[in-house]
Amino acid sequence: MATQINDNNFEQFVNAQSGLVVLDCGATWCGPCQHIAPIIDELAKEYEGKALIAKCDVDDSPEIPSKFGIRNVPTVLFIKNGELKDKLVGAQSKSSYKEKIEQYL
């Protein structure tokens, strides 16, 4: 299952993390967010030990979407060594997420 990241533990998990962090920013009321939730959990299992796959509820943690200028959900961020490398906005296929993960590993 994906790690839960919020405003309080963001620094610990993202900025202090060396390597790749894939952060799914979504909301409970968002249909497309719920659609990709199982995909994100599958990726967390598949990439365990290689990348940190995490989720953030934008309603509970408003600082994170503000920091990255997120205006639409779901937005999946690809952060490597604390630096935003890329993002995918809107629900995507599992293969799209895997392609980006492999690109930044």
N, C-alpha and C. Protein backbone atom coordinates (compact mmCIF):
# COMPACT_ATOMS: atom_id res chain seq x y z
N MET A 1 0.84 -1.19 0.00
CA MET A 1 0.00 0.00 0.00
C MET A 1 0.88 1.25 0.00
N ALA A 2 0.43 2.27 -0.65
CA ALA A 2 1.18 3.51 -0.76
C ALA A 2 1.29 4.21 0.60
N THR A 3 2.41 4.86 0.82
CA THR A 3 2.65 5.64 2.03
C THR A 3 1.77 6.89 2.00
N GLN A 4 1.22 7.26 3.15
CA GLN A 4 0.40 8.47 3.24
C GLN A 4 1.31 9.65 3.61
N ILE A 5 1.30 10.67 2.78
CA ILE A 5 2.10 11.87 3.03
C ILE A 5 1.16 13.04 3.24
N ASN A 6 1.50 13.88 4.23
CA ASN A 6 0.69 15.06 4.52
C ASN A 6 1.63 16.24 4.78
N ASP A 7 1.03 17.39 5.09
CA ASP A 7 1.84 18.58 5.35
C ASP A 7 2.84 18.36 6.48
N ASN A 8 2.48 17.56 7.48
CA ASN A 8 3.34 17.36 8.65
C ASN A 8 4.54 16.46 8.38
N ASN A 9 4.38 15.45 7.53
CA ASN A 9 5.50 14.52 7.32
C ASN A 9 6.14 14.66 5.93
N PHE A 10 5.77 15.67 5.18
CA PHE A 10 6.29 15.88 3.82
C PHE A 10 7.81 15.96 3.81
N GLU A 11 8.38 16.78 4.66
CA GLU A 11 9.84 16.95 4.70
C GLU A 11 10.53 15.63 4.97
N GLN A 12 10.02 14.88 5.93
CA GLN A 12 10.61 13.61 6.32
C GLN A 12 10.62 12.62 5.15
N PHE A 13 9.51 12.52 4.43
CA PHE A 13 9.40 11.53 3.39
C PHE A 13 9.90 11.99 2.03
N VAL A 14 9.77 13.26 1.71
CA VAL A 14 10.09 13.71 0.36
C VAL A 14 11.44 14.41 0.28
N ASN A 15 11.61 15.48 1.03
CA ASN A 15 12.86 16.23 0.92
C ASN A 15 14.05 15.51 1.54
N ALA A 16 13.81 14.70 2.56
CA ALA A 16 14.90 13.97 3.21
C ALA A 16 15.20 12.65 2.49
N GLN A 17 14.34 12.28 1.55
CA GLN A 17 14.46 11.00 0.84
C GLN A 17 15.41 11.15 -0.33
N SER A 18 16.41 10.28 -0.40
CA SER A 18 17.22 10.25 -1.62
C SER A 18 16.55 9.25 -2.56
N GLY A 19 16.61 9.53 -3.82
CA GLY A 19 15.95 8.66 -4.79
C GLY A 19 14.62 9.22 -5.23
N LEU A 20 13.82 8.36 -5.81
CA LEU A 20 12.57 8.78 -6.44
C LEU A 20 11.38 8.65 -5.50
N VAL A 21 10.57 9.72 -5.46
CA VAL A 21 9.29 9.72 -4.75
C VAL A 21 8.22 10.01 -5.79
N VAL A 22 7.22 9.14 -5.84
CA VAL A 22 6.07 9.34 -6.72
C VAL A 22 4.89 9.67 -5.82
N LEU A 23 4.39 10.90 -5.93
CA LEU A 23 3.35 11.38 -5.02
C LEU A 23 2.05 11.63 -5.77
N ASP A 24 1.05 10.81 -5.45
CA ASP A 24 -0.29 10.94 -6.02
C ASP A 24 -1.07 11.94 -5.17
N CYS A 25 -1.36 13.10 -5.74
CA CYS A 25 -2.13 14.13 -5.04
C CYS A 25 -3.58 14.05 -5.53
N GLY A 26 -4.48 13.72 -4.62
CA GLY A 26 -5.88 13.54 -5.00
C GLY A 26 -6.81 13.92 -3.87
N ALA A 27 -8.07 13.53 -4.02
CA ALA A 27 -9.09 13.83 -3.01
C ALA A 27 -10.13 12.71 -2.99
N THR A 28 -10.77 12.54 -1.85
CA THR A 28 -11.75 11.46 -1.69
C THR A 28 -12.99 11.67 -2.56
N TRP A 29 -13.33 12.92 -2.87
CA TRP A 29 -14.52 13.22 -3.65
C TRP A 29 -14.28 13.13 -5.17
N CYS A 30 -13.05 12.87 -5.56
CA CYS A 30 -12.64 12.89 -6.97
C CYS A 30 -12.73 11.50 -7.58
N GLY A 31 -13.62 11.32 -8.55
CA GLY A 31 -13.80 10.04 -9.21
C GLY A 31 -12.54 9.51 -9.88
N PRO A 32 -11.87 10.32 -10.71
CA PRO A 32 -10.64 9.84 -11.33
C PRO A 32 -9.55 9.48 -10.31
N CYS A 33 -9.54 10.19 -9.18
CA CYS A 33 -8.57 9.88 -8.12
C CYS A 33 -8.84 8.49 -7.56
N GLN A 34 -10.11 8.18 -7.36
CA GLN A 34 -10.48 6.86 -6.85
C GLN A 34 -10.19 5.78 -7.88
N HIS A 35 -10.30 6.13 -9.15
CA HIS A 35 -10.01 5.19 -10.23
C HIS A 35 -8.53 4.78 -10.23
N ILE A 36 -7.62 5.73 -9.99
CA ILE A 36 -6.18 5.39 -10.03
C ILE A 36 -5.65 4.89 -8.69
N ALA A 37 -6.43 5.01 -7.63
CA ALA A 37 -5.96 4.59 -6.29
C ALA A 37 -5.42 3.16 -6.27
N PRO A 38 -6.14 2.18 -6.84
CA PRO A 38 -5.59 0.81 -6.83
C PRO A 38 -4.31 0.68 -7.67
N ILE A 39 -4.20 1.47 -8.73
CA ILE A 39 -2.99 1.45 -9.56
C ILE A 39 -1.80 1.94 -8.74
N ILE A 40 -2.01 3.01 -7.99
CA ILE A 40 -0.93 3.56 -7.15
C ILE A 40 -0.51 2.53 -6.10
N ASP A 41 -1.47 1.84 -5.50
CA ASP A 41 -1.15 0.81 -4.52
C ASP A 41 -0.37 -0.35 -5.16
N GLU A 42 -0.75 -0.73 -6.37
CA GLU A 42 -0.01 -1.79 -7.09
C GLU A 42 1.42 -1.35 -7.36
N LEU A 43 1.59 -0.10 -7.78
CA LEU A 43 2.94 0.42 -8.06
C LEU A 43 3.79 0.44 -6.78
N ALA A 44 3.15 0.75 -5.65
CA ALA A 44 3.87 0.78 -4.37
C ALA A 44 4.46 -0.60 -4.07
N LYS A 45 3.70 -1.65 -4.35
CA LYS A 45 4.20 -3.02 -4.14
C LYS A 45 5.30 -3.36 -5.14
N GLU A 46 5.06 -3.03 -6.39
CA GLU A 46 6.01 -3.38 -7.46
C GLU A 46 7.35 -2.67 -7.31
N TYR A 47 7.34 -1.45 -6.81
CA TYR A 47 8.57 -0.66 -6.72
C TYR A 47 9.10 -0.53 -5.29
N GLU A 48 8.60 -1.37 -4.40
CA GLU A 48 9.07 -1.34 -3.02
C GLU A 48 10.59 -1.54 -3.00
N GLY A 49 11.28 -0.66 -2.28
CA GLY A 49 12.72 -0.73 -2.20
C GLY A 49 13.44 0.00 -3.33
N LYS A 50 12.70 0.39 -4.37
CA LYS A 50 13.29 1.10 -5.51
C LYS A 50 12.86 2.56 -5.55
N ALA A 51 11.59 2.80 -5.19
CA ALA A 51 11.01 4.14 -5.19
C ALA A 51 9.95 4.21 -4.10
N LEU A 52 9.75 5.39 -3.55
CA LEU A 52 8.69 5.59 -2.57
C LEU A 52 7.44 6.04 -3.33
N ILE A 53 6.41 5.22 -3.29
CA ILE A 53 5.14 5.56 -3.95
C ILE A 53 4.19 5.99 -2.83
N ALA A 54 3.65 7.20 -2.94
CA ALA A 54 2.88 7.78 -1.84
C ALA A 54 1.64 8.49 -2.34
N LYS A 55 0.73 8.76 -1.40
CA LYS A 55 -0.51 9.48 -1.69
C LYS A 55 -0.63 10.67 -0.74
N CYS A 56 -1.29 11.70 -1.24
CA CYS A 56 -1.56 12.89 -0.44
C CYS A 56 -2.99 13.34 -0.73
N ASP A 57 -3.78 13.54 0.33
CA ASP A 57 -5.13 14.09 0.18
C ASP A 57 -4.99 15.61 0.21
N VAL A 58 -5.29 16.24 -0.91
CA VAL A 58 -5.08 17.68 -1.03
C VAL A 58 -5.99 18.50 -0.11
N ASP A 59 -7.13 17.93 0.28
CA ASP A 59 -8.03 18.63 1.19
C ASP A 59 -7.48 18.65 2.61
N ASP A 60 -6.78 17.59 2.99
CA ASP A 60 -6.21 17.49 4.33
C ASP A 60 -4.85 18.17 4.44
N SER A 61 -4.18 18.35 3.32
CA SER A 61 -2.83 18.92 3.31
C SER A 61 -2.71 20.00 2.23
N PRO A 62 -3.23 21.19 2.49
CA PRO A 62 -3.26 22.24 1.46
C PRO A 62 -1.89 22.83 1.11
N GLU A 63 -0.89 22.64 1.97
CA GLU A 63 0.44 23.21 1.68
C GLU A 63 1.11 22.51 0.50
N ILE A 64 0.90 21.20 0.38
CA ILE A 64 1.56 20.44 -0.69
C ILE A 64 1.07 20.88 -2.07
N PRO A 65 -0.24 20.92 -2.33
CA PRO A 65 -0.66 21.39 -3.66
C PRO A 65 -0.27 22.84 -3.92
N SER A 66 -0.24 23.65 -2.88
CA SER A 66 0.17 25.04 -3.04
C SER A 66 1.65 25.11 -3.45
N LYS A 67 2.47 24.30 -2.81
CA LYS A 67 3.91 24.28 -3.09
C LYS A 67 4.20 23.92 -4.54
N PHE A 68 3.40 22.99 -5.10
CA PHE A 68 3.65 22.50 -6.46
C PHE A 68 2.69 23.08 -7.50
N GLY A 69 1.85 24.03 -7.10
CA GLY A 69 0.93 24.67 -8.05
C GLY A 69 -0.11 23.72 -8.62
N ILE A 70 -0.55 22.78 -7.81
CA ILE A 70 -1.54 21.81 -8.28
C ILE A 70 -2.92 22.44 -8.29
N ARG A 71 -3.55 22.42 -9.46
CA ARG A 71 -4.88 22.99 -9.61
C ARG A 71 -5.92 21.93 -9.97
N ASN A 72 -5.45 20.79 -10.45
CA ASN A 72 -6.35 19.70 -10.84
C ASN A 72 -5.91 18.41 -10.17
N VAL A 73 -6.89 17.58 -9.83
CA VAL A 73 -6.58 16.27 -9.27
C VAL A 73 -7.23 15.20 -10.14
N PRO A 74 -6.62 14.05 -10.26
CA PRO A 74 -5.34 13.69 -9.65
C PRO A 74 -4.16 14.29 -10.40
N THR A 75 -3.13 14.62 -9.65
CA THR A 75 -1.83 15.01 -10.20
C THR A 75 -0.80 14.12 -9.53
N VAL A 76 -0.02 13.44 -10.32
CA VAL A 76 1.02 12.57 -9.79
C VAL A 76 2.37 13.24 -10.05
N LEU A 77 3.09 13.51 -8.95
CA LEU A 77 4.38 14.18 -9.01
C LEU A 77 5.51 13.16 -8.99
N PHE A 78 6.56 13.44 -9.72
CA PHE A 78 7.76 12.61 -9.74
C PHE A 78 8.90 13.47 -9.20
N ILE A 79 9.31 13.17 -7.98
CA ILE A 79 10.29 13.99 -7.26
C ILE A 79 11.53 13.13 -7.02
N LYS A 80 12.67 13.61 -7.47
CA LYS A 80 13.92 12.86 -7.27
C LYS A 80 14.90 13.71 -6.49
N ASN A 81 15.39 13.15 -5.40
CA ASN A 81 16.33 13.85 -4.53
C ASN A 81 15.80 15.22 -4.11
N GLY A 82 14.49 15.29 -3.83
CA GLY A 82 13.87 16.52 -3.35
C GLY A 82 13.49 17.52 -4.44
N GLU A 83 13.77 17.20 -5.70
CA GLU A 83 13.50 18.14 -6.80
C GLU A 83 12.40 17.58 -7.72
N LEU A 84 11.40 18.40 -8.00
CA LEU A 84 10.32 18.00 -8.91
C LEU A 84 10.90 17.81 -10.31
N LYS A 85 10.73 16.60 -10.84
CA LYS A 85 11.24 16.29 -12.18
C LYS A 85 10.14 16.32 -13.23
N ASP A 86 8.93 15.87 -12.84
CA ASP A 86 7.85 15.77 -13.83
C ASP A 86 6.53 15.59 -13.09
N LYS A 87 5.43 15.68 -13.83
CA LYS A 87 4.11 15.40 -13.26
C LYS A 87 3.17 14.96 -14.36
N LEU A 88 2.20 14.16 -13.97
CA LEU A 88 1.13 13.74 -14.86
C LEU A 88 -0.18 14.21 -14.25
N VAL A 89 -0.98 14.94 -15.02
CA VAL A 89 -2.25 15.49 -14.54
C VAL A 89 -3.38 14.69 -15.16
N GLY A 90 -4.36 14.33 -14.32
CA GLY A 90 -5.49 13.55 -14.78
C GLY A 90 -5.19 12.07 -14.65
N ALA A 91 -6.24 11.26 -14.70
CA ALA A 91 -6.07 9.81 -14.58
C ALA A 91 -5.32 9.29 -15.81
N GLN A 92 -4.32 8.48 -15.55
CA GLN A 92 -3.50 7.90 -16.61
C GLN A 92 -3.53 6.37 -16.48
N SER A 93 -3.00 5.69 -17.46
CA SER A 93 -2.91 4.24 -17.39
C SER A 93 -1.73 3.83 -16.51
N LYS A 94 -1.78 2.62 -16.02
CA LYS A 94 -0.67 2.10 -15.21
C LYS A 94 0.64 2.16 -15.99
N SER A 95 0.57 1.85 -17.27
CA SER A 95 1.79 1.86 -18.08
C SER A 95 2.39 3.27 -18.20
N SER A 96 1.55 4.30 -18.20
CA SER A 96 2.05 5.68 -18.24
C SER A 96 2.85 6.01 -16.98
N TYR A 97 2.32 5.58 -15.83
CA TYR A 97 3.03 5.83 -14.57
C TYR A 97 4.32 5.03 -14.53
N LYS A 98 4.26 3.78 -14.96
CA LYS A 98 5.46 2.93 -14.95
C LYS A 98 6.55 3.52 -15.85
N GLU A 99 6.15 4.03 -17.00
CA GLU A 99 7.12 4.63 -17.93
C GLU A 99 7.85 5.78 -17.27
N LYS A 100 7.12 6.65 -16.58
CA LYS A 100 7.74 7.79 -15.89
C LYS A 100 8.65 7.32 -14.74
N ILE A 101 8.17 6.32 -13.99
CA ILE A 101 8.98 5.81 -12.88
C ILE A 101 10.30 5.27 -13.41
N GLU A 102 10.22 4.46 -14.46
CA GLU A 102 11.44 3.87 -15.04
C GLU A 102 12.38 4.96 -15.57
N GLN A 103 11.80 6.02 -16.09
CA GLN A 103 12.60 7.12 -16.62
C GLN A 103 13.44 7.78 -15.53
N TYR A 104 12.92 7.85 -14.31
CA TYR A 104 13.61 8.58 -13.25
C TYR A 104 14.30 7.69 -12.22
N LEU A 105 14.20 6.38 -12.37
CA LEU A 105 14.92 5.50 -11.43
C LEU A 105 16.41 5.53 -11.66
